[in-house]
Amino acid sequence: MKSNFHIHILLIISWFLACKSVSYTVDSLPEKQIILGTEGGFSGKSTQYTLVESGQVFKSTGFDDKAQELKGLSKAKLKKLFKSFNFSSNMKYIHDVPGNYSNFMTIREGDMMHKIVWTKQDSTISKEIKDFFDIFIKQINK
């Protein structure tokens, strides 16, 4: 009877450990990332946000040395947004139309990186990319 009790306790503990959400740091990001941001303008400043599968977001600017995790965001919503992204088809999408002030999305999967660039006024950008960008920006500005 005691050995069954110990087995049940071990199973419960391992179940809790398995359910713990994965958390990343700036120095140990996963291979799959969606990097979104803006660049250009008079100062040439860039701001980029790195979204990872856990729903964490890391922000860096062209003038800062190191990215920092943004706290207080809805990780559940951002995790769902990440999972809705079609990596394979968007890795093939080619769009490089920079302007004075541009939006960009860099898709990273392992060693492969693909950058998409467009301006706010660009009507030829994929609706899927634009909508994803707009939803993401709205989530981080809440």
C-alpha atoms as a PDB file:
ATOM      1  CA  MET A   1       0.000   0.000   0.000  1.00  0.00           C
ATOM      2  CA  LYS A   2       2.816   2.384   0.884  1.00  0.00           C
ATOM      3  CA  SER A   3       4.619   1.754  -2.406  1.00  0.00           C
ATOM      4  CA  ASN A   4       1.431   2.630  -4.370  1.00  0.00           C
ATOM      5  CA  PHE A   5       1.172   5.851  -2.392  1.00  0.00           C
ATOM      6  CA  HIS A   6       4.783   6.767  -3.251  1.00  0.00           C
ATOM      7  CA  ILE A   7       4.217   5.969  -6.915  1.00  0.00           C
ATOM      8  CA  HIS A   8       1.141   8.203  -6.982  1.00  0.00           C
ATOM      9  CA  ILE A   9       3.039  11.035  -5.319  1.00  0.00           C
ATOM     10  CA  LEU A  10       5.879  10.696  -7.850  1.00  0.00           C
ATOM     11  CA  LEU A  11       3.384  10.695 -10.733  1.00  0.00           C
ATOM     12  CA  ILE A  12       1.670  13.819  -9.420  1.00  0.00           C
ATOM     13  CA  ILE A  13       4.993  15.636  -8.953  1.00  0.00           C
ATOM     14  CA  SER A  14       6.201  14.696 -12.443  1.00  0.00           C
ATOM     15  CA  TRP A  15       2.871  15.815 -13.921  1.00  0.00           C
ATOM     16  CA  PHE A  16       3.235  19.238 -12.256  1.00  0.00           C
ATOM     17  CA  LEU A  17       6.810  19.577 -13.512  1.00  0.00           C
ATOM     18  CA  ALA A  18       5.768  18.624 -17.044  1.00  0.00           C
ATOM     19  CA  CYS A  19       3.009  21.256 -17.046  1.00  0.00           C
ATOM     20  CA  LYS A  20       5.339  24.092 -16.106  1.00  0.00           C
ATOM     21  CA  SER A  21       5.479  26.556 -18.980  1.00  0.00           C
ATOM     22  CA  VAL A  22       8.749  27.029 -20.781  1.00  0.00           C
ATOM     23  CA  SER A  23      10.416  30.356 -20.150  1.00  0.00           C
ATOM     24  CA  TYR A  24      13.242  31.847 -22.202  1.00  0.00           C
ATOM     25  CA  THR A  25      15.817  34.541 -21.606  1.00  0.00           C
ATOM     26  CA  VAL A  26      17.393  36.994 -24.041  1.00  0.00           C
ATOM     27  CA  ASP A  27      20.506  34.813 -24.061  1.00  0.00           C
ATOM     28  CA  SER A  28      18.658  31.549 -24.691  1.00  0.00           C
ATOM     29  CA  LEU A  29      15.921  32.137 -27.251  1.00  0.00           C
ATOM     30  CA  PRO A  30      14.384  29.194 -29.125  1.00  0.00           C
ATOM     31  CA  GLU A  31      15.093  28.506 -32.792  1.00  0.00           C
ATOM     32  CA  LYS A  32      11.598  29.554 -33.891  1.00  0.00           C
ATOM     33  CA  GLN A  33      11.027  33.309 -33.613  1.00  0.00           C
ATOM     34  CA  ILE A  34       8.933  36.021 -35.200  1.00  0.00           C
ATOM     35  CA  ILE A  35      10.676  39.384 -35.067  1.00  0.00           C
ATOM     36  CA  LEU A  36       8.492  42.409 -35.795  1.00  0.00           C
ATOM     37  CA  GLY A  37       9.293  46.063 -35.749  1.00  0.00           C
ATOM     38  CA  THR A  38       9.785  49.438 -37.363  1.00  0.00           C
ATOM     39  CA  GLU A  39      12.854  51.143 -38.771  1.00  0.00           C
ATOM     40  CA  GLY A  40      13.898  54.342 -40.445  1.00  0.00           C
ATOM     41  CA  GLY A  41      12.721  57.901 -40.129  1.00  0.00           C
ATOM     42  CA  PHE A  42      14.893  60.933 -39.487  1.00  0.00           C
ATOM     43  CA  SER A  43      16.971  59.273 -36.759  1.00  0.00           C
ATOM     44  CA  GLY A  44      17.214  55.865 -38.419  1.00  0.00           C
ATOM     45  CA  LYS A  45      16.059  54.268 -35.180  1.00  0.00           C
ATOM     46  CA  SER A  46      14.736  50.735 -35.181  1.00  0.00           C
ATOM     47  CA  THR A  47      12.520  49.049 -32.629  1.00  0.00           C
ATOM     48  CA  GLN A  48      12.098  45.325 -32.734  1.00  0.00           C
ATOM     49  CA  TYR A  49      10.031  42.838 -30.802  1.00  0.00           C
ATOM     50  CA  THR A  50      10.902  39.158 -30.726  1.00  0.00           C
ATOM     51  CA  LEU A  51       7.921  36.865 -30.163  1.00  0.00           C
ATOM     52  CA  VAL A  52       8.653  33.274 -29.149  1.00  0.00           C
ATOM     53  CA  GLU A  53       6.433  30.210 -28.811  1.00  0.00           C
ATOM     54  CA  SER A  54       5.978  30.645 -25.039  1.00  0.00           C
ATOM     55  CA  GLY A  55       4.215  33.964 -25.656  1.00  0.00           C
ATOM     56  CA  GLN A  56       7.147  35.955 -24.299  1.00  0.00           C
ATOM     57  CA  VAL A  57       8.154  39.168 -26.069  1.00  0.00           C
ATOM     58  CA  PHE A  58      11.609  40.750 -26.025  1.00  0.00           C
ATOM     59  CA  LYS A  59      12.068  44.384 -27.073  1.00  0.00           C
ATOM     60  CA  SER A  60      15.194  46.079 -28.331  1.00  0.00           C
ATOM     61  CA  THR A  61      15.914  49.387 -30.002  1.00  0.00           C
ATOM     62  CA  GLY A  62      18.705  50.382 -32.330  1.00  0.00           C
ATOM     63  CA  PHE A  63      20.241  52.450 -29.536  1.00  0.00           C
ATOM     64  CA  ASP A  64      20.131  49.858 -26.734  1.00  0.00           C
ATOM     65  CA  ASP A  65      22.768  47.198 -26.259  1.00  0.00           C
ATOM     66  CA  LYS A  66      20.512  44.402 -25.058  1.00  0.00           C
ATOM     67  CA  ALA A  67      16.914  43.312 -25.498  1.00  0.00           C
ATOM     68  CA  GLN A  68      14.628  43.182 -22.486  1.00  0.00           C
ATOM     69  CA  GLU A  69      11.572  41.044 -21.859  1.00  0.00           C
ATOM     70  CA  LEU A  70       8.297  42.956 -21.819  1.00  0.00           C
ATOM     71  CA  LYS A  71       6.302  42.056 -18.734  1.00  0.00           C
ATOM     72  CA  GLY A  72       2.579  42.329 -18.115  1.00  0.00           C
ATOM     73  CA  LEU A  73       1.489  41.090 -21.541  1.00  0.00           C
ATOM     74  CA  SER A  74      -1.096  38.375 -22.100  1.00  0.00           C
ATOM     75  CA  LYS A  75       1.183  35.410 -22.787  1.00  0.00           C
ATOM     76  CA  ALA A  76      -1.816  33.205 -23.529  1.00  0.00           C
ATOM     77  CA  LYS A  77      -3.014  35.504 -26.340  1.00  0.00           C
ATOM     78  CA  LEU A  78       0.489  35.962 -27.726  1.00  0.00           C
ATOM     79  CA  LYS A  79       1.154  32.222 -27.568  1.00  0.00           C
ATOM     80  CA  LYS A  80      -2.064  31.628 -29.518  1.00  0.00           C
ATOM     81  CA  LEU A  81      -1.038  34.295 -32.041  1.00  0.00           C
ATOM     82  CA  PHE A  82       2.372  32.621 -32.465  1.00  0.00           C
ATOM     83  CA  LYS A  83       0.751  29.231 -33.049  1.00  0.00           C
ATOM     84  CA  SER A  84      -1.586  30.705 -35.684  1.00  0.00           C
ATOM     85  CA  PHE A  85       1.361  31.870 -37.793  1.00  0.00           C
ATOM     86  CA  ASN A  86       2.065  29.781 -40.899  1.00  0.00           C
ATOM     87  CA  PHE A  87       5.862  29.523 -40.890  1.00  0.00           C
ATOM     88  CA  SER A  88       6.237  27.441 -44.045  1.00  0.00           C
ATOM     89  CA  SER A  89       4.180  29.622 -46.398  1.00  0.00           C
ATOM     90  CA  ASN A  90       5.421  32.935 -44.984  1.00  0.00           C
ATOM     91  CA  MET A  91       9.063  31.844 -45.298  1.00  0.00           C
ATOM     92  CA  LYS A  92       8.413  31.760 -49.052  1.00  0.00           C
ATOM     93  CA  TYR A  93       6.613  35.108 -49.247  1.00  0.00           C
ATOM     94  CA  ILE A  94       8.830  37.752 -50.863  1.00  0.00           C
ATOM     95  CA  HIS A  95       8.118  41.415 -50.231  1.00  0.00           C
ATOM     96  CA  ASP A  96      10.856  44.003 -49.853  1.00  0.00           C
ATOM     97  CA  VAL A  97       9.396  47.494 -50.288  1.00  0.00           C
ATOM     98  CA  PRO A  98      11.143  49.781 -47.782  1.00  0.00           C
ATOM     99  CA  GLY A  99      10.315  53.435 -47.363  1.00  0.00           C
ATOM    100  CA  ASN A 100      11.452  56.299 -45.194  1.00  0.00           C
ATOM    101  CA  TYR A 101       9.742  54.604 -42.241  1.00  0.00           C
ATOM    102  CA  SER A 102       9.130  50.869 -42.658  1.00  0.00           C
ATOM    103  CA  ASN A 103       7.546  47.952 -40.865  1.00  0.00           C
ATOM    104  CA  PHE A 104       9.315  44.618 -40.950  1.00  0.00           C
ATOM    105  CA  MET A 105       8.875  41.006 -39.991  1.00  0.00           C
ATOM    106  CA  THR A 106      11.762  38.585 -39.772  1.00  0.00           C
ATOM    107  CA  ILE A 107      10.847  34.933 -39.584  1.00  0.00           C
ATOM    108  CA  ARG A 108      13.489  32.760 -37.971  1.00  0.00           C
ATOM    109  CA  GLU A 109      13.448  28.997 -37.919  1.00  0.00           C
ATOM    110  CA  GLY A 110      16.764  27.440 -36.971  1.00  0.00           C
ATOM    111  CA  ASP A 111      19.470  28.733 -39.303  1.00  0.00           C
ATOM    112  CA  MET A 112      16.936  30.089 -41.801  1.00  0.00           C
ATOM    113  CA  MET A 113      15.896  33.750 -41.657  1.00  0.00           C
ATOM    114  CA  HIS A 114      13.540  35.597 -43.963  1.00  0.00           C
ATOM    115  CA  LYS A 115      12.775  39.323 -43.776  1.00  0.00           C
ATOM    116  CA  ILE A 116       9.654  41.030 -45.138  1.00  0.00           C
ATOM    117  CA  VAL A 117       9.621  44.860 -45.360  1.00  0.00           C
ATOM    118  CA  TRP A 118       6.760  47.259 -46.153  1.00  0.00           C
ATOM    119  CA  THR A 119       5.512  50.763 -45.436  1.00  0.00           C
ATOM    120  CA  LYS A 120       2.268  51.673 -43.726  1.00  0.00           C
ATOM    121  CA  GLN A 121       0.844  52.939 -47.034  1.00  0.00           C
ATOM    122  CA  ASP A 122       1.859  49.782 -48.958  1.00  0.00           C
ATOM    123  CA  SER A 123      -1.308  48.190 -50.346  1.00  0.00           C
ATOM    124  CA  THR A 124       0.546  45.241 -51.905  1.00  0.00           C
ATOM    125  CA  ILE A 125       1.623  43.622 -48.619  1.00  0.00           C
ATOM    126  CA  SER A 126       0.010  40.266 -47.821  1.00  0.00           C
ATOM    127  CA  LYS A 127      -3.150  40.656 -45.731  1.00  0.00           C
ATOM    128  CA  GLU A 128      -2.003  37.797 -43.476  1.00  0.00           C
ATOM    129  CA  ILE A 129       1.321  39.523 -42.716  1.00  0.00           C
ATOM    130  CA  LYS A 130      -0.260  42.956 -42.198  1.00  0.00           C
ATOM    131  CA  ASP A 131      -3.034  41.581 -39.978  1.00  0.00           C
ATOM    132  CA  PHE A 132      -0.571  39.561 -37.898  1.00  0.00           C
ATOM    133  CA  PHE A 133       1.615  42.658 -37.450  1.00  0.00           C
ATOM    134  CA  ASP A 134      -1.349  44.867 -36.507  1.00  0.00           C
ATOM    135  CA  ILE A 135      -2.759  42.340 -34.010  1.00  0.00           C
ATOM    136  CA  PHE A 136       0.673  41.906 -32.433  1.00  0.00           C
ATOM    137  CA  ILE A 137       1.291  45.655 -32.101  1.00  0.00           C
ATOM    138  CA  LYS A 138      -2.178  46.110 -30.588  1.00  0.00           C
ATOM    139  CA  GLN A 139      -1.428  43.375 -28.002  1.00  0.00           C
ATOM    140  CA  ILE A 140       1.866  44.889 -26.870  1.00  0.00           C
ATOM    141  CA  ASN A 141       0.449  48.422 -26.675  1.00  0.00           C
ATOM    142  CA  LYS A 142      -2.424  47.479 -24.338  1.00  0.00           C
END
